[in-house]
Amino acid sequence: MKKSTQIQLSVMMFLEFFIWGGWFVTLGTFLGNNLNATGAETGMAYSTQSWGAIIAPFVIGLIADRFFNAERILGVLHIAGAILLFQMSHASDFGTFYPYILGYMIVYMPTLALVNSVSFNQMTDPAKEFSYIRVWGTVGWIVAGLAISYVFGWDSSANIQRGLLRNTFLMTAFASGILGLFSYSLPKTPPKAKAGEKITLSDILGLDAIKLLKDRNFLIFFLSSVLICIPLAFYYQNANPFLAEIGVDNPTGKMTIGQASEVLFMLLLPIFFKRFGFKKTILFGMLAWAIRYVFFAYGNADELTFMLILGIALHGICYDFFFVSGQIYTDTKAGESHKSAAQGLITLATYGVGMLIGFWVAGKISDSYVSADGLHDWQAIWLFPAGFAALILVIFAISFKNEKVEYKAS
């Protein structure tokens, strides 16, 4: 790969995740404080990610893979996204805001696959080259969070009340417009499907891999993957509002520790996986979910701030040891003919169905523990996903039989 191409793809990845991280993390705080949204309404807003994930395969399978170059569709979607983000910044109530965020996630979620397609199309050895490109996405997410907290200070208590979190949508709208225009300079990535080739609904949704559920171990893993999305949703939806409400300084900036730990534990995953095997690795990931929420339940913004920081830092173990290990396990179980279908099925089940359920549950639980003055009983809220993650851990430990899985870095 040419150095200039590598730089182009790195900039693309940086902007792709700068945009997402620049508004998604603080969304719950913005909705609760500036649009007076309930927990259920905040759950509805976050669940648009799931609707986007469910619809995304149709955009890729029916349009990108058949008719147009991936980089051109990427450009159109990000320009449309810029307009929707701008509209979100001007919404005065949740009823006005919701259609914009739903439309935005429907156009944004397909871009996650498109940036990968554009990248892979330029690589001769993706196993070695992709990580050097993808890491810039994580850097972009981190930079967005640091900018919100330490450059602009939009997430300080005073600025939240002044409504300055609206600026996150303006910032990311500008970035989305830049990426939309920049996309047209990216290397050409023509449609993958051959002329006249039919793409079925089964192909798009990965339903060819459904027969893998006949395997008892894979069925247990599949159901556990869906259920673990409930604790995951609590983190995405409630972590930033929680930190802001209890008075933690620069909450969005501090949450970037989670992305930094994700990079660190991604490097440690092969070592842990090879030494302890798949079952212990995934159990360790589940345990991390339970521990992080116990830290959140009993930490505070004063002498126990370190518990909150540790809870955030566990994000790398929570995500990498469960979800990345799960992707490796799925890859080994699927076989050559069903690898893509199996990964598509797991993505649909987790980011689609699982997260949809998770955000709904998180919203309902949050509304159940809020006082008349709008303050939350965060200890009760966090102990629910802690207990739920522990329950999944016990069931998985008892039900899943030890199975040798070879680690292959992808």
Protein backbone atom coordinates (compact mmCIF):
# COMPACT_ATOMS: atom_id res chain seq x y z
CA MET A 1 0.00 0.00 0.00
CA LYS A 2 1.26 3.47 -0.88
CA LYS A 3 2.08 5.75 2.04
CA SER A 4 -0.28 8.38 0.65
CA THR A 5 -3.11 5.81 0.56
CA GLN A 6 -2.36 4.76 4.13
CA ILE A 7 -2.58 8.40 5.23
CA GLN A 8 -5.88 8.85 3.38
CA LEU A 9 -7.40 5.77 5.00
CA SER A 10 -6.11 6.79 8.44
CA VAL A 11 -7.71 10.24 8.10
CA MET A 12 -10.95 8.55 7.01
CA MET A 13 -10.96 6.29 10.08
CA PHE A 14 -10.06 9.18 12.40
CA LEU A 15 -12.99 11.29 11.19
CA GLU A 16 -15.40 8.32 11.10
CA PHE A 17 -15.04 7.67 14.83
CA PHE A 18 -14.39 11.28 15.84
CA ILE A 19 -17.91 11.95 14.55
CA TRP A 20 -19.48 9.08 16.50
CA GLY A 21 -17.57 9.69 19.72
CA GLY A 22 -18.16 13.44 19.49
CA TRP A 23 -21.89 13.24 20.31
CA PHE A 24 -22.80 9.66 21.28
CA VAL A 25 -21.02 9.67 24.66
CA THR A 26 -22.69 12.86 25.91
CA LEU A 27 -26.11 12.18 24.34
CA GLY A 28 -27.74 10.99 27.56
CA THR A 29 -26.46 14.01 29.47
CA PHE A 30 -27.73 16.37 26.78
CA LEU A 31 -31.18 14.78 26.56
CA GLY A 32 -31.78 14.68 30.30
CA ASN A 33 -30.54 18.18 31.05
CA ASN A 34 -31.45 20.16 27.93
CA LEU A 35 -34.50 18.40 26.45
CA ASN A 36 -35.93 17.07 29.75
CA ALA A 37 -36.05 13.56 28.30
CA THR A 38 -37.08 10.65 30.51
CA GLY A 39 -34.98 7.51 30.84
CA ALA A 40 -37.30 5.71 28.44
CA GLU A 41 -36.95 8.51 25.88
CA THR A 42 -33.16 8.44 26.27
CA GLY A 43 -33.32 4.68 25.69
CA MET A 44 -35.33 5.33 22.52
CA ALA A 45 -32.67 7.76 21.30
CA TYR A 46 -29.82 5.32 21.95
CA SER A 47 -31.77 2.44 20.40
CA THR A 48 -31.64 4.23 17.05
CA GLN A 49 -28.15 2.73 16.86
CA SER A 50 -29.80 -0.69 16.86
CA TRP A 51 -32.31 0.27 14.17
CA GLY A 52 -29.42 1.61 12.12
CA ALA A 53 -27.52 -1.67 12.62
CA ILE A 54 -30.58 -3.67 11.50
CA ILE A 55 -31.11 -1.54 8.39
CA ALA A 56 -27.41 -1.18 7.49
CA PRO A 57 -27.04 -4.63 5.84
CA PHE A 58 -29.78 -3.71 3.37
CA VAL A 59 -27.94 -0.51 2.39
CA ILE A 60 -24.69 -2.42 1.90
CA GLY A 61 -26.14 -5.57 0.37
CA LEU A 62 -28.74 -4.00 -1.91
CA ILE A 63 -26.95 -0.77 -2.92
CA ALA A 64 -23.22 -0.63 -2.16
CA ASP A 65 -22.44 -4.18 -3.24
CA ARG A 66 -24.44 -3.91 -6.48
CA PHE A 67 -24.59 -0.45 -8.00
CA PHE A 68 -22.22 2.23 -6.67
CA ASN A 69 -18.63 2.66 -5.53
CA ALA A 70 -18.32 2.39 -1.73
CA GLU A 71 -16.43 5.70 -1.40
CA ARG A 72 -19.20 7.58 -3.25
CA ILE A 73 -21.95 6.18 -1.03
CA LEU A 74 -19.77 7.01 1.98
CA GLY A 75 -19.60 10.61 0.78
CA VAL A 76 -23.36 10.92 0.24
CA LEU A 77 -24.20 9.39 3.62
CA HIS A 78 -21.82 11.65 5.55
CA ILE A 79 -23.05 14.79 3.80
CA ALA A 80 -26.63 13.76 4.65
CA GLY A 81 -25.41 13.03 8.19
CA ALA A 82 -23.95 16.53 8.49
CA ILE A 83 -27.34 18.05 7.70
CA LEU A 84 -29.11 15.82 10.24
CA LEU A 85 -26.54 16.56 12.98
CA PHE A 86 -27.01 20.28 12.35
CA GLN A 87 -30.78 19.84 12.74
CA MET A 88 -30.25 17.87 15.97
CA SER A 89 -28.34 20.82 17.44
CA HIS A 90 -31.39 23.05 16.97
CA ALA A 91 -34.07 20.68 18.32
CA SER A 92 -36.00 22.21 21.22
CA ASP A 93 -37.72 19.07 22.54
CA PHE A 94 -37.43 15.30 22.31
CA GLY A 95 -40.30 14.96 19.84
CA THR A 96 -38.44 17.17 17.37
CA PHE A 97 -35.07 15.59 18.13
CA TYR A 98 -36.01 11.92 17.73
CA PRO A 99 -36.76 11.83 13.97
CA TYR A 100 -33.41 13.50 13.28
CA ILE A 101 -31.38 11.05 15.37
CA LEU A 102 -33.26 8.09 13.89
CA GLY A 103 -32.55 9.33 10.38
CA TYR A 104 -28.94 10.02 11.30
CA MET A 105 -28.24 6.53 12.65
CA ILE A 106 -29.86 4.97 9.60
CA VAL A 107 -27.37 6.83 7.38
CA TYR A 108 -24.39 6.53 9.76
CA MET A 109 -24.38 2.81 10.67
CA PRO A 110 -23.81 1.64 7.06
CA THR A 111 -20.68 3.81 6.93
CA LEU A 112 -18.99 1.56 9.51
CA ALA A 113 -18.97 -1.26 6.96
CA LEU A 114 -18.16 1.09 4.08
CA VAL A 115 -14.95 2.45 5.64
CA ASN A 116 -13.83 -1.16 6.17
CA SER A 117 -14.63 -2.02 2.56
CA VAL A 118 -12.68 0.96 1.26
CA SER A 119 -9.74 0.01 3.49
CA PHE A 120 -9.66 -3.71 2.68
CA ASN A 121 -9.88 -2.99 -1.03
CA GLN A 122 -6.47 -1.27 -0.88
CA MET A 123 -4.68 -3.90 1.19
CA THR A 124 -2.59 -6.83 0.08
CA ASP A 125 -2.25 -8.23 3.61
CA PRO A 126 -5.21 -7.05 5.73
CA ALA A 127 -4.12 -9.11 8.76
CA LYS A 128 -1.01 -6.95 9.08
CA GLU A 129 -2.18 -3.67 7.57
CA PHE A 130 -5.72 -3.11 8.87
CA SER A 131 -4.86 -2.62 12.56
CA TYR A 132 -2.57 0.30 11.68
CA ILE A 133 -5.48 1.96 9.88
CA ARG A 134 -8.25 1.06 12.35
CA VAL A 135 -6.36 2.32 15.40
CA TRP A 136 -6.82 5.87 14.09
CA GLY A 137 -10.56 5.41 14.59
CA THR A 138 -9.99 4.82 18.29
CA VAL A 139 -7.68 7.86 18.35
CA GLY A 140 -10.46 9.91 16.74
CA TRP A 141 -12.97 8.85 19.41
CA ILE A 142 -10.47 9.75 22.15
CA VAL A 143 -9.65 13.15 20.63
CA ALA A 144 -13.37 14.00 20.43
CA GLY A 145 -13.84 13.24 24.13
CA LEU A 146 -10.74 15.16 25.18
CA ALA A 147 -11.79 18.16 23.08
CA ILE A 148 -15.28 18.24 24.64
CA SER A 149 -13.89 18.18 28.20
CA TYR A 150 -10.48 19.82 28.13
CA VAL A 151 -10.54 22.16 25.11
CA PHE A 152 -14.13 23.44 25.06
CA GLY A 153 -15.41 22.41 28.52
CA TRP A 154 -18.92 21.79 27.19
CA ASP A 155 -19.56 19.00 29.72
CA SER A 156 -18.89 21.07 32.86
CA SER A 157 -21.91 21.45 35.13
CA ALA A 158 -22.30 25.15 34.35
CA ASN A 159 -21.98 24.71 30.59
CA ILE A 160 -24.38 21.76 30.56
CA GLN A 161 -27.01 23.97 32.17
CA ARG A 162 -26.24 26.70 29.62
CA GLY A 163 -27.00 24.18 26.86
CA LEU A 164 -23.48 24.16 25.41
CA LEU A 165 -23.58 20.39 24.81
CA ARG A 166 -25.56 21.30 21.69
CA ASN A 167 -22.22 22.32 20.24
CA THR A 168 -21.18 18.66 20.08
CA PHE A 169 -23.67 18.21 17.24
CA LEU A 170 -22.35 21.28 15.44
CA MET A 171 -18.76 20.07 15.84
CA THR A 172 -19.55 16.64 14.46
CA ALA A 173 -21.76 18.06 11.70
CA PHE A 174 -18.73 20.03 10.50
CA ALA A 175 -16.53 16.92 10.71
CA SER A 176 -19.17 14.85 8.89
CA GLY A 177 -19.30 17.40 6.08
CA ILE A 178 -15.51 17.30 5.77
CA LEU A 179 -15.49 13.49 5.64
CA GLY A 180 -18.32 13.52 3.10
CA LEU A 181 -16.31 15.71 0.74
CA PHE A 182 -13.04 13.93 1.55
CA SER A 183 -14.62 10.58 0.66
CA TYR A 184 -14.67 11.51 -3.03
CA SER A 185 -10.86 11.67 -2.98
CA LEU A 186 -10.53 8.15 -1.57
CA PRO A 187 -9.32 5.24 -3.72
CA LYS A 188 -12.04 3.78 -5.92
CA THR A 189 -13.89 0.82 -4.43
CA PRO A 190 -16.25 -0.61 -7.07
CA PRO A 191 -19.28 -2.83 -6.31
CA LYS A 192 -18.43 -6.39 -5.28
CA ALA A 193 -21.40 -8.20 -6.79
CA LYS A 194 -21.11 -9.40 -10.36
CA ALA A 195 -23.55 -8.22 -12.99
CA GLY A 196 -26.77 -10.20 -12.80
CA GLU A 197 -25.82 -11.85 -9.52
CA LYS A 198 -28.76 -12.12 -7.12
CA ILE A 199 -28.40 -11.15 -3.46
CA THR A 200 -31.00 -12.78 -1.24
CA LEU A 201 -32.40 -11.69 2.12
CA SER A 202 -30.63 -14.68 3.62
CA ASP A 203 -27.29 -13.40 2.30
CA ILE A 204 -27.87 -9.89 3.65
CA LEU A 205 -28.87 -10.93 7.18
CA GLY A 206 -26.42 -13.81 7.49
CA LEU A 207 -29.24 -16.33 7.86
CA ASP A 208 -27.19 -19.01 6.14
CA ALA A 209 -25.31 -19.30 9.43
CA ILE A 210 -28.48 -19.99 11.45
CA LYS A 211 -27.73 -23.71 11.36
CA LEU A 212 -24.77 -23.05 13.65
CA LEU A 213 -27.31 -22.69 16.45
CA LYS A 214 -27.78 -26.46 16.34
CA ASP A 215 -24.40 -26.65 18.07
CA ARG A 216 -25.13 -26.48 21.82
CA ASN A 217 -22.03 -24.46 22.69
CA PHE A 218 -22.61 -21.94 19.92
CA LEU A 219 -26.27 -21.54 20.93
CA ILE A 220 -25.23 -20.79 24.52
CA PHE A 221 -22.63 -18.30 23.29
CA PHE A 222 -25.18 -16.71 20.92
CA LEU A 223 -27.79 -16.22 23.65
CA SER A 224 -25.14 -14.94 26.07
CA SER A 225 -24.00 -12.41 23.46
CA VAL A 226 -27.53 -11.05 23.14
CA LEU A 227 -28.05 -10.90 26.92
CA ILE A 228 -24.69 -9.26 27.72
CA CYS A 229 -25.81 -6.33 25.57
CA ILE A 230 -28.16 -5.34 28.40
CA PRO A 231 -25.28 -4.44 30.76
CA LEU A 232 -23.45 -2.91 27.77
CA ALA A 233 -26.40 -0.61 27.06
CA PHE A 234 -26.33 0.67 30.65
CA TYR A 235 -22.75 1.88 30.13
CA TYR A 236 -23.38 3.63 26.82
CA GLN A 237 -26.62 5.23 27.97
CA ASN A 238 -25.93 6.11 31.62
CA ALA A 239 -22.19 6.46 32.23
CA ASN A 240 -21.81 10.08 31.09
CA PRO A 241 -25.03 11.37 32.75
CA PHE A 242 -24.00 9.51 35.93
CA LEU A 243 -20.53 11.07 36.06
CA ALA A 244 -21.89 14.52 35.26
CA GLU A 245 -24.71 14.31 37.83
CA ILE A 246 -22.47 13.25 40.75
CA GLY A 247 -20.02 16.07 39.98
CA VAL A 248 -17.04 14.38 38.32
CA ASP A 249 -14.93 16.99 36.51
CA ASN A 250 -14.47 16.57 32.73
CA PRO A 251 -16.53 13.34 32.54
CA THR A 252 -16.30 12.96 28.76
CA GLY A 253 -12.54 13.34 28.79
CA LYS A 254 -12.20 10.79 31.60
CA MET A 255 -14.33 8.31 29.65
CA THR A 256 -11.67 8.22 26.91
CA ILE A 257 -9.67 6.09 29.35
CA GLY A 258 -12.02 3.30 28.25
CA GLN A 259 -10.93 3.60 24.62
CA ALA A 260 -7.26 3.71 25.61
CA SER A 261 -7.71 0.53 27.64
CA GLU A 262 -9.45 -1.05 24.64
CA VAL A 263 -6.26 -0.64 22.63
CA LEU A 264 -4.11 -2.01 25.48
CA PHE A 265 -6.20 -5.11 26.12
CA MET A 266 -6.51 -5.79 22.40
CA LEU A 267 -2.74 -6.29 22.46
CA LEU A 268 -2.98 -8.51 25.56
CA LEU A 269 -5.89 -10.59 24.25
CA PRO A 270 -3.80 -13.03 22.14
CA ILE A 271 -1.60 -13.84 25.16
CA PHE A 272 -4.56 -14.37 27.50
CA PHE A 273 -6.53 -16.30 24.87
CA LYS A 274 -3.69 -18.74 24.11
CA ARG A 275 -2.87 -19.31 27.78
CA PHE A 276 -6.37 -19.70 29.25
CA GLY A 277 -8.55 -20.60 26.27
CA PHE A 278 -11.84 -19.23 24.97
CA LYS A 279 -14.16 -20.12 27.86
CA LYS A 280 -12.00 -18.54 30.59
CA THR A 281 -11.33 -15.49 28.44
CA ILE A 282 -15.01 -14.79 27.84
CA LEU A 283 -15.84 -15.49 31.51
CA PHE A 284 -13.19 -12.97 32.51
CA GLY A 285 -14.87 -10.44 30.20
CA MET A 286 -18.25 -11.09 31.86
CA LEU A 287 -16.70 -10.76 35.31
CA ALA A 288 -15.26 -7.39 34.31
CA TRP A 289 -18.78 -6.16 33.47
CA ALA A 290 -20.03 -7.10 36.94
CA ILE A 291 -17.02 -5.57 38.72
CA ARG A 292 -17.17 -2.29 36.78
CA TYR A 293 -20.78 -1.71 37.78
CA VAL A 294 -20.05 -2.49 41.43
CA PHE A 295 -17.32 0.17 41.23
CA PHE A 296 -19.85 2.61 39.74
CA ALA A 297 -22.43 1.75 42.42
CA TYR A 298 -20.10 2.45 45.35
CA GLY A 299 -17.70 5.06 43.92
CA ASN A 300 -18.15 8.81 44.21
CA ALA A 301 -16.65 12.09 42.99
CA ASP A 302 -14.60 12.58 46.18
CA GLU A 303 -12.35 10.09 47.96
CA LEU A 304 -13.65 7.13 45.94
CA THR A 305 -13.13 8.65 42.49
CA PHE A 306 -10.51 5.97 41.84
CA MET A 307 -13.31 3.37 41.76
CA LEU A 308 -15.02 5.25 38.94
CA ILE A 309 -11.75 5.52 37.01
CA LEU A 310 -11.11 1.79 37.45
CA GLY A 311 -14.65 1.06 36.26
CA ILE A 312 -14.05 3.09 33.11
CA ALA A 313 -10.63 1.50 32.57
CA LEU A 314 -12.22 -1.97 32.64
CA HIS A 315 -13.89 -1.16 29.30
CA GLY A 316 -11.02 -2.79 27.41
CA ILE A 317 -11.51 -6.10 29.20
CA CYS A 318 -15.30 -5.87 29.03
CA TYR A 319 -15.34 -5.30 25.28
CA ASP A 320 -12.25 -7.08 23.95
CA PHE A 321 -12.40 -10.20 26.08
CA PHE A 322 -16.06 -10.82 25.30
CA PHE A 323 -16.89 -9.34 21.90
CA VAL A 324 -13.56 -9.74 20.11
CA SER A 325 -13.13 -13.24 21.56
CA GLY A 326 -16.66 -13.97 20.41
CA GLN A 327 -15.82 -12.86 16.87
CA ILE A 328 -12.83 -15.22 16.86
CA TYR A 329 -14.98 -18.07 18.19
CA THR A 330 -17.65 -17.41 15.57
CA ASP A 331 -15.03 -17.39 12.84
CA THR A 332 -13.69 -20.80 13.88
CA LYS A 333 -17.16 -22.36 14.18
CA ALA A 334 -18.49 -21.06 10.87
CA GLY A 335 -16.09 -22.67 8.42
CA GLU A 336 -14.90 -21.11 5.18
CA SER A 337 -18.25 -21.03 3.42
CA HIS A 338 -20.18 -19.24 6.17
CA LYS A 339 -17.66 -16.88 7.81
CA SER A 340 -19.25 -13.64 6.57
CA ALA A 341 -22.78 -14.90 7.20
CA ALA A 342 -21.90 -15.95 10.76
CA GLN A 343 -20.31 -12.60 11.60
CA GLY A 344 -23.33 -10.84 10.11
CA LEU A 345 -25.67 -12.94 12.23
CA ILE A 346 -23.77 -12.14 15.45
CA THR A 347 -23.67 -8.42 14.60
CA LEU A 348 -27.41 -8.38 13.92
CA ALA A 349 -28.09 -10.25 17.16
CA THR A 350 -25.90 -8.02 19.36
CA TYR A 351 -25.90 -4.49 17.96
CA GLY A 352 -29.37 -5.01 16.52
CA VAL A 353 -31.62 -7.11 18.77
CA GLY A 354 -29.48 -7.24 21.93
CA MET A 355 -28.76 -3.53 22.17
CA LEU A 356 -32.37 -2.69 21.28
CA ILE A 357 -33.52 -4.69 24.30
CA GLY A 358 -30.67 -3.33 26.41
CA PHE A 359 -31.44 0.34 25.83
CA TRP A 360 -35.13 -0.25 26.54
CA VAL A 361 -34.31 -2.00 29.84
CA ALA A 362 -31.76 0.67 30.81
CA GLY A 363 -34.34 3.40 30.19
CA LYS A 364 -37.00 1.67 32.27
CA ILE A 365 -34.62 1.00 35.17
CA SER A 366 -33.35 4.59 35.11
CA ASP A 367 -36.92 5.95 35.29
CA SER A 368 -37.68 3.64 38.22
CA TYR A 369 -34.95 5.21 40.36
CA VAL A 370 -35.32 8.94 39.79
CA SER A 371 -36.61 11.31 42.48
CA ALA A 372 -39.03 14.21 42.10
CA ASP A 373 -36.12 16.66 41.84
CA GLY A 374 -34.67 14.72 38.88
CA LEU A 375 -31.77 13.08 40.74
CA HIS A 376 -31.11 9.36 40.32
CA ASP A 377 -30.42 6.59 42.81
CA TRP A 378 -27.33 5.54 40.88
CA GLN A 379 -26.36 2.78 43.29
CA ALA A 380 -29.62 0.93 42.62
CA ILE A 381 -29.34 1.58 38.88
CA TRP A 382 -25.79 0.20 38.60
CA LEU A 383 -26.39 -2.83 40.80
CA PHE A 384 -28.98 -4.13 38.31
CA PRO A 385 -26.53 -4.63 35.37
CA ALA A 386 -23.87 -5.84 37.85
CA GLY A 387 -26.18 -8.60 39.07
CA PHE A 388 -27.41 -9.38 35.57
CA ALA A 389 -23.85 -9.76 34.23
CA ALA A 390 -22.99 -12.02 37.17
CA LEU A 391 -26.05 -14.17 36.42
CA ILE A 392 -25.04 -14.56 32.76
CA LEU A 393 -21.52 -15.47 33.91
CA VAL A 394 -22.79 -18.26 36.16
CA ILE A 395 -25.13 -19.68 33.52
CA PHE A 396 -22.41 -19.58 30.85
CA ALA A 397 -19.83 -21.18 33.18
CA ILE A 398 -22.19 -24.06 33.95
CA SER A 399 -23.66 -24.56 30.46
CA PHE A 400 -20.73 -24.01 28.08
CA LYS A 401 -18.50 -27.06 27.74
CA ASN A 402 -14.76 -26.53 27.38
CA GLU A 403 -13.81 -26.30 23.72
CA LYS A 404 -10.44 -25.71 22.12
CA VAL A 405 -10.49 -22.58 19.95
CA GLU A 406 -7.42 -21.49 18.00
CA TYR A 407 -6.64 -17.78 18.15
CA LYS A 408 -6.18 -16.22 14.72
CA ALA A 409 -5.62 -12.48 14.59
CA SER A 410 -7.88 -10.97 11.94
